Amino acid sequence: MKCLHLSDCQDNFDAHLPFGQGGGLPVDEILAQLKKTDYSGFINLELLPRSWKDIRPLIDSYLKVVRTFSRKKYFKTKIRLFFYSILLRTKVKDAFQK
């Protein structure tokens, strides 16, 4: 397997939710199993922000995947996000208001 597509949805709605926001996908179990089998392919996250307030949970979903496979990349990304958070928040908020 070279690419895995993850999308956390509800039973009756294709919601593309951030992980842990009400979907039924057992994300922790899937990631643990992938780590256990030394998965090295791509992981595509299908996440759909509905407002600017959804951006943080989407980033957290990405970070959950990154942390599973690379602690070094996880900490580098957290540092970058710290420095870019104000700019990111402003730009994303503006995009949703248009």
C-alpha atoms as a PDB file:
ATOM      1  CA  MET A   1       0.000   0.000   0.000  1.00  0.00           C
ATOM      2  CA  LYS A   2       1.469   3.322  -1.042  1.00  0.00           C
ATOM      3  CA  CYS A   3      -1.304   5.764  -0.137  1.00  0.00           C
ATOM      4  CA  LEU A   4      -3.965   5.796   2.562  1.00  0.00           C
ATOM      5  CA  HIS A   5      -6.950   8.144   2.525  1.00  0.00           C
ATOM      6  CA  LEU A   6      -8.451   9.049   5.922  1.00  0.00           C
ATOM      7  CA  SER A   7     -11.785  10.830   6.217  1.00  0.00           C
ATOM      8  CA  ASP A   8     -13.696  10.906   9.511  1.00  0.00           C
ATOM      9  CA  CYS A   9     -17.408  11.059   8.763  1.00  0.00           C
ATOM     10  CA  GLN A  10     -20.704  10.446  10.479  1.00  0.00           C
ATOM     11  CA  ASP A  11     -22.936   7.485   9.603  1.00  0.00           C
ATOM     12  CA  ASN A  12     -25.425   9.567   7.639  1.00  0.00           C
ATOM     13  CA  PHE A  13     -23.259  12.489   6.506  1.00  0.00           C
ATOM     14  CA  ASP A  14     -19.994  12.697   4.569  1.00  0.00           C
ATOM     15  CA  ALA A  15     -18.685  15.384   6.931  1.00  0.00           C
ATOM     16  CA  HIS A  16     -14.856  15.135   6.621  1.00  0.00           C
ATOM     17  CA  LEU A  17     -14.510  16.049  10.292  1.00  0.00           C
ATOM     18  CA  PRO A  18     -11.323  16.770  12.195  1.00  0.00           C
ATOM     19  CA  PHE A  19     -10.312  13.727  14.210  1.00  0.00           C
ATOM     20  CA  GLY A  20     -12.248  13.398  17.453  1.00  0.00           C
ATOM     21  CA  GLN A  21     -15.036  15.765  16.419  1.00  0.00           C
ATOM     22  CA  GLY A  22     -17.899  13.279  16.205  1.00  0.00           C
ATOM     23  CA  GLY A  23     -17.011  10.964  13.348  1.00  0.00           C
ATOM     24  CA  GLY A  24     -16.780   7.213  13.657  1.00  0.00           C
ATOM     25  CA  LEU A  25     -13.287   6.552  12.316  1.00  0.00           C
ATOM     26  CA  PRO A  26     -11.065   4.784  14.889  1.00  0.00           C
ATOM     27  CA  VAL A  27      -8.130   7.063  14.125  1.00  0.00           C
ATOM     28  CA  ASP A  28      -5.941   6.109  17.080  1.00  0.00           C
ATOM     29  CA  GLU A  29      -6.241   2.401  16.304  1.00  0.00           C
ATOM     30  CA  ILE A  30      -5.566   2.926  12.598  1.00  0.00           C
ATOM     31  CA  LEU A  31      -2.476   5.042  13.249  1.00  0.00           C
ATOM     32  CA  ALA A  32      -1.172   2.600  15.869  1.00  0.00           C
ATOM     33  CA  GLN A  33      -1.550  -0.295  13.435  1.00  0.00           C
ATOM     34  CA  LEU A  34       0.187   1.630  10.649  1.00  0.00           C
ATOM     35  CA  LYS A  35       3.062   2.508  12.980  1.00  0.00           C
ATOM     36  CA  LYS A  36       3.305  -1.109  14.120  1.00  0.00           C
ATOM     37  CA  THR A  37       3.651  -2.295  10.517  1.00  0.00           C
ATOM     38  CA  ASP A  38       6.232   0.418   9.675  1.00  0.00           C
ATOM     39  CA  TYR A  39       3.959   2.045   7.095  1.00  0.00           C
ATOM     40  CA  SER A  40       6.000   4.463   4.980  1.00  0.00           C
ATOM     41  CA  GLY A  41       3.543   5.539   2.306  1.00  0.00           C
ATOM     42  CA  PHE A  42       1.479   8.675   1.957  1.00  0.00           C
ATOM     43  CA  ILE A  43      -1.466   9.523   4.191  1.00  0.00           C
ATOM     44  CA  ASN A  44      -4.057  11.813   2.656  1.00  0.00           C
ATOM     45  CA  LEU A  45      -6.368  13.548   5.146  1.00  0.00           C
ATOM     46  CA  GLU A  46      -9.723  14.660   3.770  1.00  0.00           C
ATOM     47  CA  LEU A  47     -10.789  17.442   6.105  1.00  0.00           C
ATOM     48  CA  LEU A  48     -13.346  20.147   5.364  1.00  0.00           C
ATOM     49  CA  PRO A  49     -13.306  23.407   7.325  1.00  0.00           C
ATOM     50  CA  ARG A  50     -16.729  25.021   7.533  1.00  0.00           C
ATOM     51  CA  SER A  51     -15.518  28.166   9.299  1.00  0.00           C
ATOM     52  CA  TRP A  52     -12.224  29.707  10.367  1.00  0.00           C
ATOM     53  CA  LYS A  53     -12.751  28.176  13.814  1.00  0.00           C
ATOM     54  CA  ASP A  54     -12.314  24.710  12.277  1.00  0.00           C
ATOM     55  CA  ILE A  55      -8.705  25.401  11.302  1.00  0.00           C
ATOM     56  CA  ARG A  56      -7.161  24.551  14.682  1.00  0.00           C
ATOM     57  CA  PRO A  57      -8.874  21.120  14.910  1.00  0.00           C
ATOM     58  CA  LEU A  58      -7.764  20.433  11.318  1.00  0.00           C
ATOM     59  CA  ILE A  59      -4.173  21.290  12.190  1.00  0.00           C
ATOM     60  CA  ASP A  60      -4.436  19.090  15.279  1.00  0.00           C
ATOM     61  CA  SER A  61      -5.597  16.200  13.077  1.00  0.00           C
ATOM     62  CA  TYR A  62      -2.538  16.652  10.883  1.00  0.00           C
ATOM     63  CA  LEU A  63      -0.279  16.863  13.941  1.00  0.00           C
ATOM     64  CA  LYS A  64      -1.724  13.623  15.319  1.00  0.00           C
ATOM     65  CA  VAL A  65      -0.621  11.808  12.170  1.00  0.00           C
ATOM     66  CA  VAL A  66       2.791  13.473  12.092  1.00  0.00           C
ATOM     67  CA  ARG A  67       3.421  12.730  15.798  1.00  0.00           C
ATOM     68  CA  THR A  68       2.670   9.046  15.203  1.00  0.00           C
ATOM     69  CA  PHE A  69       5.409   8.671  12.615  1.00  0.00           C
ATOM     70  CA  SER A  70       8.006  11.349  13.378  1.00  0.00           C
ATOM     71  CA  ARG A  71       8.451  13.103  16.723  1.00  0.00           C
ATOM     72  CA  LYS A  72      11.148  15.300  15.173  1.00  0.00           C
ATOM     73  CA  LYS A  73       8.856  16.528  12.388  1.00  0.00           C
ATOM     74  CA  TYR A  74       6.048  16.966  14.920  1.00  0.00           C
ATOM     75  CA  PHE A  75       8.110  19.309  17.120  1.00  0.00           C
ATOM     76  CA  LYS A  76       9.456  21.240  14.122  1.00  0.00           C
ATOM     77  CA  THR A  77       5.894  21.761  12.886  1.00  0.00           C
ATOM     78  CA  LYS A  78       4.686  22.866  16.338  1.00  0.00           C
ATOM     79  CA  ILE A  79       7.461  25.474  16.475  1.00  0.00           C
ATOM     80  CA  ARG A  80       6.608  26.761  12.993  1.00  0.00           C
ATOM     81  CA  LEU A  81       2.930  26.957  13.896  1.00  0.00           C
ATOM     82  CA  PHE A  82       3.754  28.965  16.998  1.00  0.00           C
ATOM     83  CA  PHE A  83       5.518  31.608  14.921  1.00  0.00           C
ATOM     84  CA  TYR A  84       2.992  31.623  12.079  1.00  0.00           C
ATOM     85  CA  SER A  85      -0.172  31.340  14.172  1.00  0.00           C
ATOM     86  CA  ILE A  86      -1.122  35.033  14.149  1.00  0.00           C
ATOM     87  CA  LEU A  87      -0.585  35.387  10.409  1.00  0.00           C
ATOM     88  CA  LEU A  88      -2.370  32.116   9.726  1.00  0.00           C
ATOM     89  CA  ARG A  89      -5.352  33.071  11.888  1.00  0.00           C
ATOM     90  CA  THR A  90      -5.716  36.461  10.155  1.00  0.00           C
ATOM     91  CA  LYS A  91      -5.429  35.069   6.626  1.00  0.00           C
ATOM     92  CA  VAL A  92      -7.808  32.166   7.245  1.00  0.00           C
ATOM     93  CA  LYS A  93     -10.359  34.380   8.984  1.00  0.00           C
ATOM     94  CA  ASP A  94     -10.258  36.809   6.050  1.00  0.00           C
ATOM     95  CA  ALA A  95     -10.715  33.972   3.544  1.00  0.00           C
ATOM     96  CA  PHE A  96     -13.915  32.801   5.223  1.00  0.00           C
ATOM     97  CA  GLN A  97     -15.365  36.313   5.385  1.00  0.00           C
ATOM     98  CA  LYS A  98     -15.151  36.811   1.610  1.00  0.00           C
END
